[in-house]
PDB file of all heavy atoms in Angstrom:
ATOM      1  N   GLY A   1      25.085   3.748 -21.521  1.00  0.00           N
ATOM      2  CA  GLY A   1      26.185   2.839 -21.240  1.00  0.00           C
ATOM      3  C   GLY A   1      27.397   3.143 -22.077  1.00  0.00           C
ATOM      4  O   GLY A   1      27.382   3.979 -22.983  1.00  0.00           O
ATOM      5  N   ALA A   2      28.495   2.435 -21.765  1.00  0.00           N
ATOM      6  CA  ALA A   2      29.782   2.739 -22.392  1.00  0.00           C
ATOM      7  C   ALA A   2      30.284   1.616 -23.275  1.00  0.00           C
ATOM      8  O   ALA A   2      31.465   1.557 -23.595  1.00  0.00           O
ATOM      9  CB  ALA A   2      30.826   3.035 -21.312  1.00  0.00           C
ATOM     10  N   ALA A   3      29.397   0.705 -23.717  1.00  0.00           N
ATOM     11  CA  ALA A   3      29.871  -0.428 -24.507  1.00  0.00           C
ATOM     12  C   ALA A   3      30.560   0.023 -25.785  1.00  0.00           C
ATOM     13  O   ALA A   3      31.580  -0.523 -26.194  1.00  0.00           O
ATOM     14  CB  ALA A   3      28.689  -1.349 -24.840  1.00  0.00           C
ATOM     15  N   GLU A   4      30.005   1.062 -26.433  1.00  0.00           N
ATOM     16  CA  GLU A   4      30.586   1.517 -27.695  1.00  0.00           C
ATOM     17  C   GLU A   4      31.969   2.131 -27.498  1.00  0.00           C
ATOM     18  O   GLU A   4      32.759   2.204 -28.412  1.00  0.00           O
ATOM     19  CB  GLU A   4      29.670   2.558 -28.346  1.00  0.00           C
ATOM     20  CG  GLU A   4      28.414   1.979 -28.972  1.00  0.00           C
ATOM     21  CD  GLU A   4      27.660   3.032 -29.769  1.00  0.00           C
ATOM     22  OE1 GLU A   4      27.818   4.234 -29.475  1.00  0.00           O
ATOM     23  OE2 GLU A   4      26.923   2.659 -30.685  1.00  0.00           O
ATOM     24  N   LEU A   5      32.277   2.590 -26.286  1.00  0.00           N
ATOM     25  CA  LEU A   5      33.504   3.341 -26.077  1.00  0.00           C
ATOM     26  C   LEU A   5      34.745   2.459 -26.090  1.00  0.00           C
ATOM     27  O   LEU A   5      35.856   2.955 -26.042  1.00  0.00           O
ATOM     28  CB  LEU A   5      33.421   4.100 -24.749  1.00  0.00           C
ATOM     29  CG  LEU A   5      32.181   4.981 -24.584  1.00  0.00           C
ATOM     30  CD1 LEU A   5      32.301   5.807 -23.326  1.00  0.00           C
ATOM     31  CD2 LEU A   5      31.969   5.857 -25.791  1.00  0.00           C
ATOM     32  N   ARG A   6      34.546   1.132 -26.146  1.00  0.00           N
ATOM     33  CA  ARG A   6      35.709   0.258 -26.256  1.00  0.00           C
ATOM     34  C   ARG A   6      36.414   0.457 -27.591  1.00  0.00           C
ATOM     35  O   ARG A   6      37.568   0.087 -27.743  1.00  0.00           O
ATOM     36  CB  ARG A   6      35.273  -1.204 -26.110  1.00  0.00           C
ATOM     37  CG  ARG A   6      34.649  -1.518 -24.753  1.00  0.00           C
ATOM     38  CD  ARG A   6      34.457  -3.015 -24.579  1.00  0.00           C
ATOM     39  NE  ARG A   6      33.680  -3.307 -23.388  1.00  0.00           N
ATOM     40  CZ  ARG A   6      32.401  -3.635 -23.395  1.00  0.00           C
ATOM     41  NH1 ARG A   6      31.745  -3.694 -24.535  1.00  0.00           N
ATOM     42  NH2 ARG A   6      31.756  -3.893 -22.272  1.00  0.00           N
ATOM     43  N   ASP A   7      35.713   0.990 -28.572  1.00  0.00           N
ATOM     44  CA  ASP A   7      36.299   1.289 -29.874  1.00  0.00           C
ATOM     45  C   ASP A   7      37.138   2.560 -29.736  1.00  0.00           C
ATOM     46  O   ASP A   7      36.606   3.645 -29.511  1.00  0.00           O
ATOM     47  CB  ASP A   7      35.190   1.482 -30.910  1.00  0.00           C
ATOM     48  CG  ASP A   7      35.727   1.611 -32.333  1.00  0.00           C
ATOM     49  OD1 ASP A   7      36.886   2.047 -32.486  1.00  0.00           O
ATOM     50  OD2 ASP A   7      34.985   1.281 -33.265  1.00  0.00           O
ATOM     51  N   SER A   8      38.447   2.425 -29.915  1.00  0.00           N
ATOM     52  CA  SER A   8      39.341   3.561 -29.703  1.00  0.00           C
ATOM     53  C   SER A   8      39.140   4.660 -30.731  1.00  0.00           C
ATOM     54  O   SER A   8      39.651   5.765 -30.562  1.00  0.00           O
ATOM     55  CB  SER A   8      40.800   3.081 -29.735  1.00  0.00           C
ATOM     56  OG  SER A   8      41.105   2.517 -31.007  1.00  0.00           O
ATOM     57  N   GLN A   9      38.421   4.364 -31.831  1.00  0.00           N
ATOM     58  CA  GLN A   9      38.202   5.373 -32.854  1.00  0.00           C
ATOM     59  C   GLN A   9      36.925   6.173 -32.607  1.00  0.00           C
ATOM     60  O   GLN A   9      36.492   6.935 -33.464  1.00  0.00           O
ATOM     61  CB  GLN A   9      38.168   4.718 -34.234  1.00  0.00           C
ATOM     62  CG  GLN A   9      39.501   4.092 -34.619  1.00  0.00           C
ATOM     63  CD  GLN A   9      39.528   3.653 -36.070  1.00  0.00           C
ATOM     64  OE1 GLN A   9      38.747   4.109 -36.890  1.00  0.00           O
ATOM     65  NE2 GLN A   9      40.435   2.770 -36.392  1.00  0.00           N
ATOM     66  N   LEU A  10      36.313   5.989 -31.448  1.00  0.00           N
ATOM     67  CA  LEU A  10      35.132   6.754 -31.095  1.00  0.00           C
ATOM     68  C   LEU A  10      35.433   7.638 -29.891  1.00  0.00           C
ATOM     69  O   LEU A  10      36.253   7.302 -29.043  1.00  0.00           O
ATOM     70  CB  LEU A  10      33.962   5.831 -30.748  1.00  0.00           C
ATOM     71  CG  LEU A  10      33.462   4.886 -31.837  1.00  0.00           C
ATOM     72  CD1 LEU A  10      32.317   4.044 -31.300  1.00  0.00           C
ATOM     73  CD2 LEU A  10      33.023   5.649 -33.071  1.00  0.00           C
ATOM     74  N   VAL A  11      34.776   8.767 -29.846  1.00  0.00           N
ATOM     75  CA  VAL A  11      34.851   9.623 -28.663  1.00  0.00           C
ATOM     76  C   VAL A  11      33.430   9.834 -28.168  1.00  0.00           C
ATOM     77  O   VAL A  11      32.475   9.754 -28.932  1.00  0.00           O
ATOM     78  CB  VAL A  11      35.506  10.986 -28.969  1.00  0.00           C
ATOM     79  CG1 VAL A  11      36.964  10.800 -29.334  1.00  0.00           C
ATOM     80  CG2 VAL A  11      34.769  11.714 -30.077  1.00  0.00           C
ATOM     81  N   ALA A  12      33.295  10.059 -26.875  1.00  0.00           N
ATOM     82  CA  ALA A  12      31.958  10.220 -26.317  1.00  0.00           C
ATOM     83  C   ALA A  12      31.949  11.308 -25.273  1.00  0.00           C
ATOM     84  O   ALA A  12      32.903  11.471 -24.519  1.00  0.00           O
ATOM     85  CB  ALA A  12      31.470   8.907 -25.711  1.00  0.00           C
ATOM     86  N   ARG A  13      30.846  12.028 -25.242  1.00  0.00           N
ATOM     87  CA  ARG A  13      30.664  13.060 -24.228  1.00  0.00           C
ATOM     88  C   ARG A  13      29.477  12.671 -23.360  1.00  0.00           C
ATOM     89  O   ARG A  13      28.364  12.466 -23.866  1.00  0.00           O
ATOM     90  CB  ARG A  13      30.404  14.408 -24.881  1.00  0.00           C
ATOM     91  CG  ARG A  13      30.154  15.506 -23.851  1.00  0.00           C
ATOM     92  CD  ARG A  13      30.307  16.853 -24.442  1.00  0.00           C
ATOM     93  NE  ARG A  13      30.053  17.902 -23.473  1.00  0.00           N
ATOM     94  CZ  ARG A  13      30.005  19.186 -23.781  1.00  0.00           C
ATOM     95  NH1 ARG A  13      30.203  19.575 -25.024  1.00  0.00           N
ATOM     96  NH2 ARG A  13      29.767  20.090 -22.847  1.00  0.00           N
ATOM     97  N   PRO A  14      29.668  12.525 -22.057  1.00  0.00           N
ATOM     98  CA  PRO A  14      28.535  12.184 -21.191  1.00  0.00           C
ATOM     99  C   PRO A  14      27.537  13.333 -21.141  1.00  0.00           C
ATOM    100  O   PRO A  14      27.915  14.496 -20.958  1.00  0.00           O
ATOM    101  CB  PRO A  14      29.189  11.923 -19.833  1.00  0.00           C
ATOM    102  CG  PRO A  14      30.505  12.634 -19.889  1.00  0.00           C
ATOM    103  CD  PRO A  14      30.927  12.632 -21.310  1.00  0.00           C
ATOM    104  N   LEU A  15      26.276  13.016 -21.304  1.00  0.00           N
ATOM    105  CA  LEU A  15      25.216  14.033 -21.288  1.00  0.00           C
ATOM    106  C   LEU A  15      24.521  14.118 -19.937  1.00  0.00           C
ATOM    107  O   LEU A  15      24.216  15.206 -19.470  1.00  0.00           O
ATOM    108  CB  LEU A  15      24.180  13.715 -22.370  1.00  0.00           C
ATOM    109  CG  LEU A  15      24.663  13.778 -23.820  1.00  0.00           C
ATOM    110  CD1 LEU A  15      23.565  13.297 -24.754  1.00  0.00           C
ATOM    111  CD2 LEU A  15      25.099  15.183 -24.183  1.00  0.00           C
ATOM    112  N   CYS A  16      24.258  12.968 -19.322  1.00  0.00           N
ATOM    113  CA  CYS A  16      23.579  12.965 -18.036  1.00  0.00           C
ATOM    114  C   CYS A  16      23.627  11.558 -17.455  1.00  0.00           C
ATOM    115  O   CYS A  16      24.001  10.601 -18.140  1.00  0.00           O
ATOM    116  CB  CYS A  16      22.127  13.426 -18.167  1.00  0.00           C
ATOM    117  SG  CYS A  16      21.075  12.237 -19.038  1.00  0.00           S
ATOM    118  N   THR A  17      23.258  11.443 -16.209  1.00  0.00           N
ATOM    119  CA  THR A  17      23.078  10.128 -15.590  1.00  0.00           C
ATOM    120  C   THR A  17      21.631   9.984 -15.158  1.00  0.00           C
ATOM    121  O   THR A  17      20.947  10.967 -14.857  1.00  0.00           O
ATOM    122  CB  THR A  17      23.993   9.955 -14.362  1.00  0.00           C
ATOM    123  OG1 THR A  17      23.688  10.965 -13.388  1.00  0.00           O
ATOM    124  CG2 THR A  17      25.454  10.065 -14.751  1.00  0.00           C
ATOM    125  N   THR A  18      21.165   8.760 -15.144  1.00  0.00           N
ATOM    126  CA  THR A  18      19.795   8.471 -14.735  1.00  0.00           C
ATOM    127  C   THR A  18      19.770   7.048 -14.187  1.00  0.00           C
ATOM    128  O   THR A  18      20.796   6.382 -14.122  1.00  0.00           O
ATOM    129  CB  THR A  18      18.816   8.618 -15.912  1.00  0.00           C
ATOM    130  OG1 THR A  18      17.478   8.454 -15.443  1.00  0.00           O
ATOM    131  CG2 THR A  18      19.100   7.604 -17.000  1.00  0.00           C
ATOM    132  N   ARG A  19      18.611   6.587 -13.790  1.00  0.00           N
ATOM    133  CA  ARG A  19      18.453   5.228 -13.288  1.00  0.00           C
ATOM    134  C   ARG A  19      17.216   4.593 -13.899  1.00  0.00           C
ATOM    135  O   ARG A  19      16.274   5.289 -14.298  1.00  0.00           O
ATOM    136  CB  ARG A  19      18.316   5.209 -11.758  1.00  0.00           C
ATOM    137  CG  ARG A  19      19.609   5.487 -11.010  1.00  0.00           C
ATOM    138  CD  ARG A  19      19.409   5.359  -9.512  1.00  0.00           C
ATOM    139  NE  ARG A  19      20.641   5.596  -8.764  1.00  0.00           N
ATOM    140  CZ  ARG A  19      21.519   4.651  -8.432  1.00  0.00           C
ATOM    141  NH1 ARG A  19      21.290   3.390  -8.783  1.00  0.00           N
ATOM    142  NH2 ARG A  19      22.606   4.948  -7.757  1.00  0.00           N
ATOM    143  N   ARG A  20      17.243   3.273 -13.954  1.00  0.00           N
ATOM    144  CA  ARG A  20      16.045   2.557 -14.352  1.00  0.00           C
ATOM    145  C   ARG A  20      15.045   2.570 -13.190  1.00  0.00           C
ATOM    146  O   ARG A  20      15.428   2.656 -12.023  1.00  0.00           O
ATOM    147  CB  ARG A  20      16.382   1.118 -14.740  1.00  0.00           C
ATOM    148  CG  ARG A  20      17.233   1.021 -15.994  1.00  0.00           C
ATOM    149  CD  ARG A  20      17.579  -0.417 -16.328  1.00  0.00           C
ATOM    150  NE  ARG A  20      16.477  -1.125 -16.969  1.00  0.00           N
ATOM    151  CZ  ARG A  20      16.576  -2.370 -17.448  1.00  0.00           C
ATOM    152  NH1 ARG A  20      17.699  -3.050 -17.306  1.00  0.00           N
ATOM    153  NH2 ARG A  20      15.540  -2.947 -18.041  1.00  0.00           N
ATOM    154  N   VAL A  21      13.784   2.497 -13.540  1.00  0.00           N
ATOM    155  CA  VAL A  21      12.728   2.486 -12.533  1.00  0.00           C
ATOM    156  C   VAL A  21      11.690   1.439 -12.931  1.00  0.00           C
ATOM    157  O   VAL A  21      11.312   1.328 -14.105  1.00  0.00           O
ATOM    158  CB  VAL A  21      12.083   3.884 -12.388  1.00  0.00           C
ATOM    159  CG1 VAL A  21      11.510   4.371 -13.708  1.00  0.00           C
ATOM    160  CG2 VAL A  21      11.012   3.866 -11.313  1.00  0.00           C
ATOM    161  N   ALA A  22      11.250   0.640 -11.956  1.00  0.00           N
ATOM    162  CA  ALA A  22      10.166  -0.310 -12.192  1.00  0.00           C
ATOM    163  C   ALA A  22       8.844   0.437 -12.106  1.00  0.00           C
ATOM    164  O   ALA A  22       8.609   1.203 -11.171  1.00  0.00           O
ATOM    165  CB  ALA A  22      10.218  -1.439 -11.161  1.00  0.00           C
ATOM    166  N   CYS A  23       7.982   0.238 -13.078  1.00  0.00           N
ATOM    167  CA  CYS A  23       6.709   0.961 -13.072  1.00  0.00           C
ATOM    168  C   CYS A  23       5.645   0.147 -13.799  1.00  0.00           C
ATOM    169  O   CYS A  23       5.951  -0.736 -14.608  1.00  0.00           O
ATOM    170  CB  CYS A  23       6.858   2.357 -13.677  1.00  0.00           C
ATOM    171  SG  CYS A  23       7.708   2.420 -15.256  1.00  0.00           S
ATOM    172  N   ALA A  24       4.399   0.478 -13.504  1.00  0.00           N
ATOM    173  CA  ALA A  24       3.269  -0.231 -14.101  1.00  0.00           C
ATOM    174  C   ALA A  24       2.073   0.706 -14.156  1.00  0.00           C
ATOM    175  O   ALA A  24       2.033   1.748 -13.488  1.00  0.00           O
ATOM    176  CB  ALA A  24       2.925  -1.477 -13.276  1.00  0.00           C
ATOM    177  N   ALA A  25       1.094   0.331 -14.955  1.00  0.00           N
ATOM    178  CA  ALA A  25      -0.124   1.127 -15.086  1.00  0.00           C
ATOM    179  C   ALA A  25      -1.021   0.938 -13.866  1.00  0.00           C
ATOM    180  O   ALA A  25      -1.018  -0.127 -13.244  1.00  0.00           O
ATOM    181  CB  ALA A  25      -0.873   0.724 -16.348  1.00  0.00           C
ATOM    182  N   PRO A  26      -1.792   1.953 -13.497  1.00  0.00           N
ATOM    183  CA  PRO A  26      -2.732   1.808 -12.380  1.00  0.00           C
ATOM    184  C   PRO A  26      -3.658   0.606 -12.540  1.00  0.00           C
ATOM    185  O   PRO A  26      -3.965  -0.084 -11.559  1.00  0.00           O
ATOM    186  CB  PRO A  26      -3.506   3.130 -12.401  1.00  0.00           C
ATOM    187  CG  PRO A  26      -2.559   4.109 -13.025  1.00  0.00           C
ATOM    188  CD  PRO A  26      -1.804   3.326 -14.058  1.00  0.00           C
ATOM    189  N   ALA A  27      -4.087   0.321 -13.773  1.00  0.00           N
ATOM    190  CA  ALA A  27      -5.006  -0.797 -13.990  1.00  0.00           C
ATOM    191  C   ALA A  27      -4.342  -2.127 -13.639  1.00  0.00           C
ATOM    192  O   ALA A  27      -4.983  -3.019 -13.055  1.00  0.00           O
ATOM    193  CB  ALA A  27      -5.483  -0.812 -15.440  1.00  0.00           C
ATOM    194  N   TYR A  28      -3.065  -2.273 -13.981  1.00  0.00           N
ATOM    195  CA  TYR A  28      -2.351  -3.510 -13.649  1.00  0.00           C
ATOM    196  C   TYR A  28      -2.224  -3.654 -12.136  1.00  0.00           C
ATOM    197  O   TYR A  28      -2.456  -4.737 -11.579  1.00  0.00           O
ATOM    198  CB  TYR A  28      -0.969  -3.528 -14.300  1.00  0.00           C
ATOM    199  CG  TYR A  28      -0.139  -4.723 -13.869  1.00  0.00           C
ATOM    200  CD1 TYR A  28      -0.231  -5.928 -14.547  1.00  0.00           C
ATOM    201  CD2 TYR A  28       0.716  -4.645 -12.770  1.00  0.00           C
ATOM    202  CE1 TYR A  28       0.512  -7.040 -14.151  1.00  0.00           C
ATOM    203  CE2 TYR A  28       1.459  -5.745 -12.362  1.00  0.00           C
ATOM    204  CZ  TYR A  28       1.355  -6.941 -13.051  1.00  0.00           C
ATOM    205  OH  TYR A  28       2.082  -8.041 -12.636  1.00  0.00           O
ATOM    206  N   LEU A  29      -1.858  -2.578 -11.449  1.00  0.00           N
ATOM    207  CA  LEU A  29      -1.671  -2.639  -9.998  1.00  0.00           C
ATOM    208  C   LEU A  29      -2.991  -2.909  -9.281  1.00  0.00           C
ATOM    209  O   LEU A  29      -3.024  -3.615  -8.262  1.00  0.00           O
ATOM    210  CB  LEU A  29      -1.049  -1.328  -9.510  1.00  0.00           C
ATOM    211  CG  LEU A  29       0.335  -0.998 -10.104  1.00  0.00           C
ATOM    212  CD1 LEU A  29       0.792   0.379  -9.650  1.00  0.00           C
ATOM    213  CD2 LEU A  29       1.359  -2.066  -9.728  1.00  0.00           C
ATOM    214  N   GLN A  30      -4.072  -2.391  -9.823  1.00  0.00           N
ATOM    215  CA  GLN A  30      -5.378  -2.648  -9.230  1.00  0.00           C
ATOM    216  C   GLN A  30      -5.753  -4.123  -9.375  1.00  0.00           C
ATOM    217  O   GLN A  30      -6.374  -4.721  -8.492  1.00  0.00           O
ATOM    218  CB  GLN A  30      -6.427  -1.758  -9.915  1.00  0.00           C
ATOM    219  CG  GLN A  30      -7.738  -1.669  -9.182  1.00  0.00           C
ATOM    220  CD  GLN A  30      -8.639  -0.593  -9.802  1.00  0.00           C
ATOM    221  OE1 GLN A  30      -8.674  -0.433 -11.023  1.00  0.00           O
ATOM    222  NE2 GLN A  30      -9.341   0.128  -8.973  1.00  0.00           N
ATOM    223  N   ARG A  31      -5.334  -4.695 -10.485  1.00  0.00           N
ATOM    224  CA  ARG A  31      -5.668  -6.090 -10.770  1.00  0.00           C
ATOM    225  C   ARG A  31      -4.745  -7.078 -10.052  1.00  0.00           C
ATOM    226  O   ARG A  31      -5.186  -8.121  -9.560  1.00  0.00           O
ATOM    227  CB  ARG A  31      -5.591  -6.313 -12.282  1.00  0.00           C
ATOM    228  CG  ARG A  31      -6.072  -7.671 -12.763  1.00  0.00           C
ATOM    229  CD  ARG A  31      -6.127  -7.721 -14.279  1.00  0.00           C
ATOM    230  NE  ARG A  31      -4.809  -7.784 -14.888  1.00  0.00           N
ATOM    231  CZ  ARG A  31      -4.256  -6.809 -15.589  1.00  0.00           C
ATOM    232  NH1 ARG A  31      -4.905  -5.659 -15.749  1.00  0.00           N
ATOM    233  NH2 ARG A  31      -3.048  -6.949 -16.125  1.00  0.00           N
ATOM    234  N   ARG A  32      -3.442  -6.740  -9.969  1.00  0.00           N
ATOM    235  CA  ARG A  32      -2.450  -7.695  -9.460  1.00  0.00           C
ATOM    236  C   ARG A  32      -1.816  -7.292  -8.133  1.00  0.00           C
ATOM    237  O   ARG A  32      -1.078  -8.072  -7.539  1.00  0.00           O
ATOM    238  CB  ARG A  32      -1.333  -7.859 -10.509  1.00  0.00           C
ATOM    239  CG  ARG A  32      -1.784  -8.458 -11.842  1.00  0.00           C
ATOM    240  CD  ARG A  32      -2.101  -9.935 -11.707  1.00  0.00           C
ATOM    241  NE  ARG A  32      -0.937 -10.661 -11.244  1.00  0.00           N
ATOM    242  CZ  ARG A  32      -0.013 -11.179 -12.065  1.00  0.00           C
ATOM    243  NH1 ARG A  32      -0.130 -11.039 -13.387  1.00  0.00           N
ATOM    244  NH2 ARG A  32       1.023 -11.839 -11.572  1.00  0.00           N
ATOM    245  N   GLY A  33      -2.059  -6.080  -7.671  1.00  0.00           N
ATOM    246  CA  GLY A  33      -1.437  -5.619  -6.435  1.00  0.00           C
ATOM    247  C   GLY A  33      -0.109  -4.920  -6.699  1.00  0.00           C
ATOM    248  O   GLY A  33       0.482  -5.046  -7.767  1.00  0.00           O
ATOM    249  N   THR A  34       0.348  -4.154  -5.696  1.00  0.00           N
ATOM    250  CA  THR A  34       1.566  -3.363  -5.829  1.00  0.00           C
ATOM    251  C   THR A  34       2.711  -4.011  -5.054  1.00  0.00           C
ATOM    252  O   THR A  34       2.602  -4.199  -3.837  1.00  0.00           O
ATOM    253  CB  THR A  34       1.340  -1.932  -5.293  1.00  0.00           C
ATOM    254  OG1 THR A  34       0.282  -1.317  -6.034  1.00  0.00           O
ATOM    255  CG2 THR A  34       2.610  -1.097  -5.438  1.00  0.00           C
ATOM    256  N   PRO A  35       3.807  -4.373  -5.709  1.00  0.00           N
ATOM    257  CA  PRO A  35       4.943  -4.960  -4.984  1.00  0.00           C
ATOM    258  C   PRO A  35       5.590  -3.921  -4.069  1.00  0.00           C
ATOM    259  O   PRO A  35       5.729  -2.749  -4.438  1.00  0.00           O
ATOM    260  CB  PRO A  35       5.899  -5.396  -6.102  1.00  0.00           C
ATOM    261  CG  PRO A  35       5.546  -4.522  -7.266  1.00  0.00           C
ATOM    262  CD  PRO A  35       4.077  -4.262  -7.159  1.00  0.00           C
ATOM    263  N   THR A  36       5.990  -4.372  -2.886  1.00  0.00           N
ATOM    264  CA  THR A  36       6.647  -3.476  -1.916  1.00  0.00           C
ATOM    265  C   THR A  36       8.110  -3.832  -1.712  1.00  0.00           C
ATOM    266  O   THR A  36       8.822  -3.101  -1.024  1.00  0.00           O
ATOM    267  CB  THR A  36       5.917  -3.532  -0.566  1.00  0.00           C
ATOM    268  OG1 THR A  36       5.931  -4.877  -0.083  1.00  0.00           O
ATOM    269  CG2 THR A  36       4.471  -3.054  -0.719  1.00  0.00           C
ATOM    270  N   HIS A  37       8.556  -4.943  -2.299  1.00  0.00           N
ATOM    271  CA  HIS A  37       9.950  -5.370  -2.202  1.00  0.00           C
ATOM    272  C   HIS A  37      10.344  -5.972  -3.551  1.00  0.00           C
ATOM    273  O   HIS A  37       9.506  -6.632  -4.211  1.00  0.00           O
ATOM    274  CB  HIS A  37      10.128  -6.406  -1.091  1.00  0.00           C
ATOM    275  CG  HIS A  37      11.563  -6.686  -0.747  1.00  0.00           C
ATOM    276  ND1 HIS A  37      12.367  -7.513  -1.512  1.00  0.00           N
ATOM    277  CD2 HIS A  37      12.339  -6.229   0.268  1.00  0.00           C
ATOM    278  CE1 HIS A  37      13.581  -7.563  -0.976  1.00  0.00           C
ATOM    279  NE2 HIS A  37      13.590  -6.782   0.103  1.00  0.00           N
ATOM    280  N   PRO A  38      11.595  -5.760  -4.010  1.00  0.00           N
ATOM    281  CA  PRO A  38      11.993  -6.297  -5.318  1.00  0.00           C
ATOM    282  C   PRO A  38      11.749  -7.792  -5.479  1.00  0.00           C
ATOM    283  O   PRO A  38      11.430  -8.257  -6.581  1.00  0.00           O
ATOM    284  CB  PRO A  38      13.485  -5.960  -5.389  1.00  0.00           C
ATOM    285  CG  PRO A  38      13.628  -4.730  -4.561  1.00  0.00           C
ATOM    286  CD  PRO A  38      12.658  -4.910  -3.427  1.00  0.00           C
ATOM    287  N   ARG A  39      11.889  -8.578  -4.388  1.00  0.00           N
ATOM    288  CA  ARG A  39      11.683 -10.027  -4.515  1.00  0.00           C
ATOM    289  C   ARG A  39      10.253 -10.378  -4.904  1.00  0.00           C
ATOM    290  O   ARG A  39      10.000 -11.448  -5.476  1.00  0.00           O
ATOM    291  CB  ARG A  39      12.061 -10.721  -3.199  1.00  0.00           C
ATOM    292  CG  ARG A  39      13.560 -10.703  -2.900  1.00  0.00           C
ATOM    293  CD  ARG A  39      13.908 -11.687  -1.796  1.00  0.00           C
ATOM    294  NE  ARG A  39      15.327 -11.649  -1.484  1.00  0.00           N
ATOM    295  CZ  ARG A  39      15.871 -10.882  -0.542  1.00  0.00           C
ATOM    296  NH1 ARG A  39      15.084 -10.091   0.184  1.00  0.00           N
ATOM    297  NH2 ARG A  39      17.173 -10.894  -0.324  1.00  0.00           N
ATOM    298  N   GLU A  40       9.305  -9.480  -4.623  1.00  0.00           N
ATOM    299  CA  GLU A  40       7.910  -9.732  -4.979  1.00  0.00           C
ATOM    300  C   GLU A  40       7.676  -9.666  -6.486  1.00  0.00           C
ATOM    301  O   GLU A  40       6.610 -10.078  -6.974  1.00  0.00           O
ATOM    302  CB  GLU A  40       6.998  -8.746  -4.248  1.00  0.00           C
ATOM    303  CG  GLU A  40       7.009  -8.902  -2.742  1.00  0.00           C
ATOM    304  CD  GLU A  40       6.146  -7.857  -2.048  1.00  0.00           C
ATOM    305  OE1 GLU A  40       5.278  -7.260  -2.711  1.00  0.00           O
ATOM    306  OE2 GLU A  40       6.350  -7.626  -0.836  1.00  0.00           O
ATOM    307  N   LEU A  41       8.653  -9.159  -7.227  1.00  0.00           N
ATOM    308  CA  LEU A  41       8.505  -9.109  -8.680  1.00  0.00           C
ATOM    309  C   LEU A  41       8.384 -10.502  -9.282  1.00  0.00           C
ATOM    310  O   LEU A  41       7.855 -10.667 -10.391  1.00  0.00           O
ATOM    311  CB  LEU A  41       9.700  -8.373  -9.311  1.00  0.00           C
ATOM    312  CG  LEU A  41       9.799  -6.873  -8.989  1.00  0.00           C
ATOM    313  CD1 LEU A  41      11.117  -6.316  -9.507  1.00  0.00           C
ATOM    314  CD2 LEU A  41       8.621  -6.110  -9.586  1.00  0.00           C
ATOM    315  N   ALA A  42       8.881 -11.523  -8.576  1.00  0.00           N
ATOM    316  CA  ALA A  42       8.782 -12.890  -9.071  1.00  0.00           C
ATOM    317  C   ALA A  42       7.329 -13.329  -9.229  1.00  0.00           C
ATOM    318  O   ALA A  42       7.027 -14.254  -9.998  1.00  0.00           O
ATOM    319  CB  ALA A  42       9.522 -13.844  -8.131  1.00  0.00           C
ATOM    320  N   GLN A  43       6.399 -12.685  -8.509  1.00  0.00           N
ATOM    321  CA  GLN A  43       4.987 -13.036  -8.609  1.00  0.00           C
ATOM    322  C   GLN A  43       4.230 -12.170  -9.625  1.00  0.00           C
ATOM    323  O   GLN A  43       3.007 -12.246  -9.728  1.00  0.00           O
ATOM    324  CB  GLN A  43       4.298 -12.893  -7.242  1.00  0.00           C
ATOM    325  CG  GLN A  43       4.565 -14.038  -6.269  1.00  0.00           C
ATOM    326  CD  GLN A  43       5.961 -13.985  -5.705  1.00  0.00           C
ATOM    327  OE1 GLN A  43       6.364 -12.977  -5.134  1.00  0.00           O
ATOM    328  NE2 GLN A  43       6.703 -15.083  -5.833  1.00  0.00           N
TER     329      GLN A  43
END
């Protein structure tokens, strides 16, 4: 993120872009099931 870059006395070089990913262990999914839609995360 770029929160630190609001400080004019700092310079920054972008290294890469990525995304967050929702993930879980196989044991958890076996026990609770695998969500197929983001709204199912509420359960």
